[in-house]
Amino acid sequence: MVPGFLGLGAGSLALARALRGSDVAPDPVPAMLALAGLATTGAGLARNSDRSCPSRLLGDTNYTASDDAHAACALVTFSMWVAIPLVAARRATGATARYRRWSRLLGVSALAGLVVDGVLARRHAERWSGVTQRAVLASALGWYPLAASMAGGRRTDSGSGGARASAGNR
């Protein structure tokens, strides 16, 4: 699992760099994506002591410091994964309406899945928690190829529209 976390973290960092200044990822989206990449890497390095992912946040008593570190990194990662498509949908005014609609749909789906997953985790309902976590991942990570495929318009000022927009008015 560690190589998967490290690969996803590195891929997130690379995507953040590639999208910087694009119409689909205006500020603060690249920084949020980089934070998700760093936190994903941290979650991979802070391994869980058990497959049940013990956490003091859920009232478990058999957790380790590494479990707490993993949970903290995962909290940051999942928060970013839910927020990124929603922020992109709102801030990417230079992107297509189709892109913004899909970003919003992916963000809302990830948020709904995360809420359901949280309810199941608090109830220790293991039967569906894996399904909901994968639904959150599919929704959240579905934004990556969407943004990468739609990132045609580049701007020189991280997407604020300033320099390039002003140049057209001269």
Foldseek 3Di string as FASTA:
>chain_A
DLVVLLVQLVVLLVLLVVLFQFLQQFPPLSVLSNLLSVLSNQLSVLDFPDPLLDDVVLVDDPGDPSSPSNVVSVVSNLVSLLVNLVVSLVQSPVFDPVLSVLSNVLNVQLVVLVVVLVVCSSVVPPPCNVVSVVSNVCSSCVNSVSSVVRRPGGHDPRNPCPPVVVVVVD
